C-alpha atoms as a PDB file:
ATOM      1  CA  MET A   1      -4.161 -14.522 -21.733  1.00  0.00           C
ATOM      2  CA  PHE A   2      -6.084 -12.933 -18.906  1.00  0.00           C
ATOM      3  CA  GLY A   3      -7.120 -14.272 -15.724  1.00  0.00           C
ATOM      4  CA  LYS A   4      -6.884 -14.978 -11.942  1.00  0.00           C
ATOM      5  CA  LEU A   5      -4.375 -14.807  -9.731  1.00  0.00           C
ATOM      6  CA  SER A   6      -3.833 -17.723  -7.084  1.00  0.00           C
ATOM      7  CA  PRO A   7      -4.062 -16.386  -3.853  1.00  0.00           C
ATOM      8  CA  SER A   8      -0.035 -16.998  -3.554  1.00  0.00           C
ATOM      9  CA  GLU A   9       0.243 -14.987  -6.506  1.00  0.00           C
ATOM     10  CA  ILE A  10      -2.252 -12.414  -4.833  1.00  0.00           C
ATOM     11  CA  GLU A  11       0.677 -12.636  -1.915  1.00  0.00           C
ATOM     12  CA  GLU A  12       3.164 -12.271  -3.613  1.00  0.00           C
ATOM     13  CA  LEU A  13       2.067  -9.058  -5.532  1.00  0.00           C
ATOM     14  CA  LEU A  14       1.362  -7.495  -1.983  1.00  0.00           C
ATOM     15  CA  ASN A  15       4.797  -8.302  -0.552  1.00  0.00           C
ATOM     16  CA  GLN A  16       6.441  -7.423  -4.004  1.00  0.00           C
ATOM     17  CA  GLN A  17       5.049  -4.029  -4.644  1.00  0.00           C
ATOM     18  CA  PHE A  18       6.213  -0.620  -2.643  1.00  0.00           C
ATOM     19  CA  VAL A  19       3.630   1.781  -3.798  1.00  0.00           C
ATOM     20  CA  GLY A  20      -0.297   0.934  -3.990  1.00  0.00           C
ATOM     21  CA  ARG A  21      -3.524   2.753  -3.566  1.00  0.00           C
ATOM     22  CA  ILE A  22      -5.918   3.884  -0.990  1.00  0.00           C
ATOM     23  CA  GLY A  23      -9.299   4.343  -2.316  1.00  0.00           C
ATOM     24  CA  CYS A  24     -11.665   6.078   0.211  1.00  0.00           C
ATOM     25  CA  HIS A  25     -14.728   7.509   0.165  1.00  0.00           C
ATOM     26  CA  ALA A  26     -16.483  10.068   3.156  1.00  0.00           C
ATOM     27  CA  ASN A  27     -19.213  12.584   2.450  1.00  0.00           C
ATOM     28  CA  GLU A  28     -20.041  11.699  -1.040  1.00  0.00           C
ATOM     29  CA  THR A  29     -16.484  12.095  -2.062  1.00  0.00           C
ATOM     30  CA  THR A  30     -14.087   9.480  -3.349  1.00  0.00           C
ATOM     31  CA  TYR A  31     -10.461   9.558  -3.010  1.00  0.00           C
ATOM     32  CA  VAL A  32      -7.776   7.664  -4.186  1.00  0.00           C
ATOM     33  CA  VAL A  33      -4.066   8.257  -3.892  1.00  0.00           C
ATOM     34  CA  PRO A  34      -0.920   5.915  -3.842  1.00  0.00           C
ATOM     35  CA  ILE A  35       0.886   5.252  -0.589  1.00  0.00           C
ATOM     36  CA  SER A  36       4.153   3.796   0.110  1.00  0.00           C
ATOM     37  CA  TYR A  37       4.007   0.693   2.516  1.00  0.00           C
ATOM     38  CA  ALA A  38       4.187  -2.483   4.565  1.00  0.00           C
ATOM     39  CA  TYR A  39       2.345  -5.741   4.382  1.00  0.00           C
ATOM     40  CA  ASP A  40       2.623  -8.966   6.509  1.00  0.00           C
ATOM     41  CA  GLY A  41       0.256 -11.108   5.272  1.00  0.00           C
ATOM     42  CA  THR A  42      -2.786  -9.597   7.517  1.00  0.00           C
ATOM     43  CA  TYR A  43      -2.534  -5.543   7.172  1.00  0.00           C
ATOM     44  CA  ILE A  44      -1.323  -2.681   5.103  1.00  0.00           C
ATOM     45  CA  TYR A  45       0.732  -0.936   6.757  1.00  0.00           C
ATOM     46  CA  GLY A  46       1.124   3.091   6.142  1.00  0.00           C
ATOM     47  CA  HIS A  47       2.233   6.497   7.646  1.00  0.00           C
ATOM     48  CA  ALA A  48       1.101   9.573   6.378  1.00  0.00           C
ATOM     49  CA  LEU A  49       0.449  13.448   7.469  1.00  0.00           C
ATOM     50  CA  GLU A  50      -3.182  14.919   8.463  1.00  0.00           C
ATOM     51  CA  GLY A  51      -4.771  15.377   5.682  1.00  0.00           C
ATOM     52  CA  LYS A  52      -7.200  14.525   2.919  1.00  0.00           C
ATOM     53  CA  LYS A  53      -6.813  10.790   3.327  1.00  0.00           C
ATOM     54  CA  ILE A  54      -6.596  10.506   6.428  1.00  0.00           C
ATOM     55  CA  ASP A  55      -9.651  12.880   7.783  1.00  0.00           C
ATOM     56  CA  MET A  56     -11.753  10.646   4.665  1.00  0.00           C
ATOM     57  CA  MET A  57     -10.473   7.239   6.425  1.00  0.00           C
ATOM     58  CA  ARG A  58     -11.391   8.235  10.655  1.00  0.00           C
ATOM     59  CA  ASN A  59     -15.085   9.284   8.600  1.00  0.00           C
ATOM     60  CA  ASN A  60     -15.428   6.191   6.986  1.00  0.00           C
ATOM     61  CA  PRO A  61     -12.687   3.245   7.726  1.00  0.00           C
ATOM     62  CA  ASN A  62     -13.854   0.977   4.975  1.00  0.00           C
ATOM     63  CA  VAL A  63     -11.385   1.170   2.164  1.00  0.00           C
ATOM     64  CA  CYS A  64     -10.029  -0.328  -0.661  1.00  0.00           C
ATOM     65  CA  PHE A  65      -6.316  -1.023  -1.603  1.00  0.00           C
ATOM     66  CA  GLU A  66      -4.504  -1.483  -4.889  1.00  0.00           C
ATOM     67  CA  VAL A  67      -1.415  -2.849  -6.181  1.00  0.00           C
ATOM     68  CA  ASP A  68      -0.180  -3.638  -9.336  1.00  0.00           C
ATOM     69  CA  ASN A  69       3.132  -4.567 -11.488  1.00  0.00           C
ATOM     70  CA  THR A  70       2.767  -3.375 -15.235  1.00  0.00           C
ATOM     71  CA  ARG A  71       5.650  -4.824 -17.348  1.00  0.00           C
ATOM     72  CA  ASN A  72       3.917  -3.486 -20.159  1.00  0.00           C
ATOM     73  CA  LEU A  73       0.603  -2.613 -21.762  1.00  0.00           C
ATOM     74  CA  SER A  74      -0.269  -6.809 -22.311  1.00  0.00           C
ATOM     75  CA  ASN A  75       1.644  -8.277 -18.953  1.00  0.00           C
ATOM     76  CA  TRP A  76       0.640  -7.412 -15.874  1.00  0.00           C
ATOM     77  CA  GLN A  77      -0.722  -7.851 -12.876  1.00  0.00           C
ATOM     78  CA  SER A  78      -3.044  -6.408  -9.992  1.00  0.00           C
ATOM     79  CA  VAL A  79      -4.433  -7.252  -6.790  1.00  0.00           C
ATOM     80  CA  ILE A  80      -7.365  -4.976  -5.151  1.00  0.00           C
ATOM     81  CA  ALA A  81      -8.606  -5.593  -1.584  1.00  0.00           C
ATOM     82  CA  MET A  82     -11.105  -4.784   0.598  1.00  0.00           C
ATOM     83  CA  GLY A  83     -10.184  -3.296   4.325  1.00  0.00           C
ATOM     84  CA  ILE A  84     -10.708  -1.846   7.660  1.00  0.00           C
ATOM     85  CA  TYR A  85      -8.484   1.450   8.500  1.00  0.00           C
ATOM     86  CA  GLU A  86      -7.335   1.277  11.754  1.00  0.00           C
ATOM     87  CA  GLU A  87      -5.256   4.322  13.050  1.00  0.00           C
ATOM     88  CA  LEU A  88      -2.777   3.408  15.970  1.00  0.00           C
ATOM     89  CA  ALA A  89      -1.957   5.144  19.038  1.00  0.00           C
ATOM     90  CA  LYS A  90       1.734   5.086  19.563  1.00  0.00           C
ATOM     91  CA  GLY A  91       2.712   2.032  21.652  1.00  0.00           C
ATOM     92  CA  PRO A  92       3.482  -1.670  21.086  1.00  0.00           C
ATOM     93  CA  GLU A  93       1.228  -1.492  17.980  1.00  0.00           C
ATOM     94  CA  TRP A  94       2.327   1.730  16.638  1.00  0.00           C
ATOM     95  CA  ASN A  95       6.354   0.563  17.438  1.00  0.00           C
ATOM     96  CA  GLU A  96       5.745  -3.132  15.633  1.00  0.00           C
ATOM     97  CA  ALA A  97       4.010  -0.735  12.825  1.00  0.00           C
ATOM     98  CA  MET A  98       7.181   1.541  12.694  1.00  0.00           C
ATOM     99  CA  GLN A  99       9.428  -1.897  12.623  1.00  0.00           C
ATOM    100  CA  LYS A 100       7.745  -3.149   9.450  1.00  0.00           C
ATOM    101  CA  LEU A 101       7.658   0.187   7.297  1.00  0.00           C
ATOM    102  CA  GLU A 102      11.546   0.840   8.354  1.00  0.00           C
ATOM    103  CA  ALA A 103      12.242  -2.686   7.368  1.00  0.00           C
ATOM    104  CA  ARG A 104      11.098  -2.363   3.848  1.00  0.00           C
ATOM    105  CA  ALA A 105      14.158  -2.842   1.212  1.00  0.00           C
ATOM    106  CA  PHE A 106      13.789  -0.227  -1.252  1.00  0.00           C
ATOM    107  CA  PRO A 107      15.486   0.891  -4.399  1.00  0.00           C
ATOM    108  CA  VAL A 108      18.285   2.667  -4.064  1.00  0.00           C
ATOM    109  CA  LEU A 109      16.542   6.476  -5.479  1.00  0.00           C
ATOM    110  CA  THR A 110      13.107   7.069  -3.744  1.00  0.00           C
ATOM    111  CA  SER A 111      11.235  10.004  -2.746  1.00  0.00           C
ATOM    112  CA  GLU A 112      11.189  12.445   0.428  1.00  0.00           C
ATOM    113  CA  THR A 113       7.548  11.074   0.707  1.00  0.00           C
ATOM    114  CA  MET A 114       8.646   7.344   1.468  1.00  0.00           C
ATOM    115  CA  ARG A 115      10.612   8.429   4.330  1.00  0.00           C
ATOM    116  CA  LEU A 116       8.986   8.129   7.886  1.00  0.00           C
ATOM    117  CA  HIS A 117      11.734  10.783   9.159  1.00  0.00           C
ATOM    118  CA  SER A 118      13.954  13.450   8.490  1.00  0.00           C
ATOM    119  CA  GLN A 119      17.279  10.528   9.211  1.00  0.00           C
ATOM    120  CA  TRP A 120      15.391   7.788   7.527  1.00  0.00           C
ATOM    121  CA  PRO A 121      16.430   4.673   6.105  1.00  0.00           C
ATOM    122  CA  PHE A 122      18.233   4.052   9.621  1.00  0.00           C
ATOM    123  CA  PRO A 123      15.702   4.477  13.239  1.00  0.00           C
ATOM    124  CA  SER A 124      15.572   7.185  15.121  1.00  0.00           C
ATOM    125  CA  GLY A 125      15.267   5.378  18.214  1.00  0.00           C
ATOM    126  CA  ASN A 126      13.115   7.511  19.169  1.00  0.00           C
ATOM    127  CA  ALA A 127       9.438   7.846  18.257  1.00  0.00           C
ATOM    128  CA  ASP A 128       8.954  11.324  19.284  1.00  0.00           C
ATOM    129  CA  ASN A 129      10.758  11.877  16.547  1.00  0.00           C
ATOM    130  CA  ILE A 130       8.577  10.380  13.570  1.00  0.00           C
ATOM    131  CA  THR A 131       5.525  12.877  13.205  1.00  0.00           C
ATOM    132  CA  GLY A 132       2.105  12.370  11.490  1.00  0.00           C
ATOM    133  CA  ILE A 133      -0.046   9.230  11.284  1.00  0.00           C
ATOM    134  CA  VAL A 134       0.630   5.542  11.052  1.00  0.00           C
ATOM    135  CA  PHE A 135      -1.970   3.404  10.238  1.00  0.00           C
ATOM    136  CA  ARG A 136      -2.560  -0.281   9.250  1.00  0.00           C
ATOM    137  CA  ILE A 137      -5.637  -1.809   6.982  1.00  0.00           C
ATOM    138  CA  ARG A 138      -6.933  -5.136   7.595  1.00  0.00           C
ATOM    139  CA  LEU A 139      -7.700  -6.960   4.789  1.00  0.00           C
ATOM    140  CA  ILE A 140     -10.412  -8.447   4.604  1.00  0.00           C
ATOM    141  CA  GLU A 141     -11.126  -9.514   1.025  1.00  0.00           C
ATOM    142  CA  LYS A 142      -8.442 -10.067  -1.975  1.00  0.00           C
ATOM    143  CA  SER A 143      -9.197 -10.611  -5.653  1.00  0.00           C
ATOM    144  CA  GLY A 144      -6.131 -10.281  -8.212  1.00  0.00           C
ATOM    145  CA  ARG A 145      -6.044 -10.385 -12.129  1.00  0.00           C
ATOM    146  CA  PHE A 146      -3.019 -10.642 -14.582  1.00  0.00           C
ATOM    147  CA  GLU A 147      -3.060 -10.292 -18.424  1.00  0.00           C
ATOM    148  CA  LYS A 148      -0.187 -12.222 -20.387  1.00  0.00           C
ATOM    149  CA  SER A 149       1.037 -12.016 -23.954  1.00  0.00           C
ATOM    150  CA  ASP A 150       1.497 -14.794 -25.814  1.00  0.00           C
ATOM    151  CA  GLY A 151       5.190 -13.305 -27.135  1.00  0.00           C
ATOM    152  CA  GLN A 152       3.151 -11.284 -30.243  1.00  0.00           C
ATOM    153  CA  TYR A 153       2.667  -7.841 -29.940  1.00  0.00           C
ATOM    154  CA  TYR A 154       0.079  -6.185 -32.359  1.00  0.00           C
ATOM    155  CA  TYR A 155       0.227  -2.688 -33.670  1.00  0.00           C
ATOM    156  CA  ALA A 156      -2.508  -0.154 -34.639  1.00  0.00           C
ATOM    157  CA  THR A 157      -2.332   0.984 -38.344  1.00  0.00           C
END
């Protein structure tokens, strides 16, 4: 069975996941890249080093954000959201974003790219120890879909 996620199911999926994908487009190039993120009901918060993704979002702040939960090929949920990229300068909004990013509860094993600084997951206490760009994406439109199996599995012959 295919269907649309309700607004509450969309919010639940955005809050549950650790990794989403940003789709950005600039200079006739489309780029999709995974990021670790935090979500507060309005914004997707992220952290990245200078590079192609940041350059493209600076050039065109209109982005797409996608997150999914694939249990198997016949049981999945997916959310796609359109939003506006906002780079945060060090100050109150930057500090708030860092608190949200550091408060994420991750699985025991994580990669280096999910860490905000070398001492992560413990707060550094000093913003100067954290390099890179802190940003948020203000979500302006969200939709979600799902597939749920009827419990029967079909095999190709």
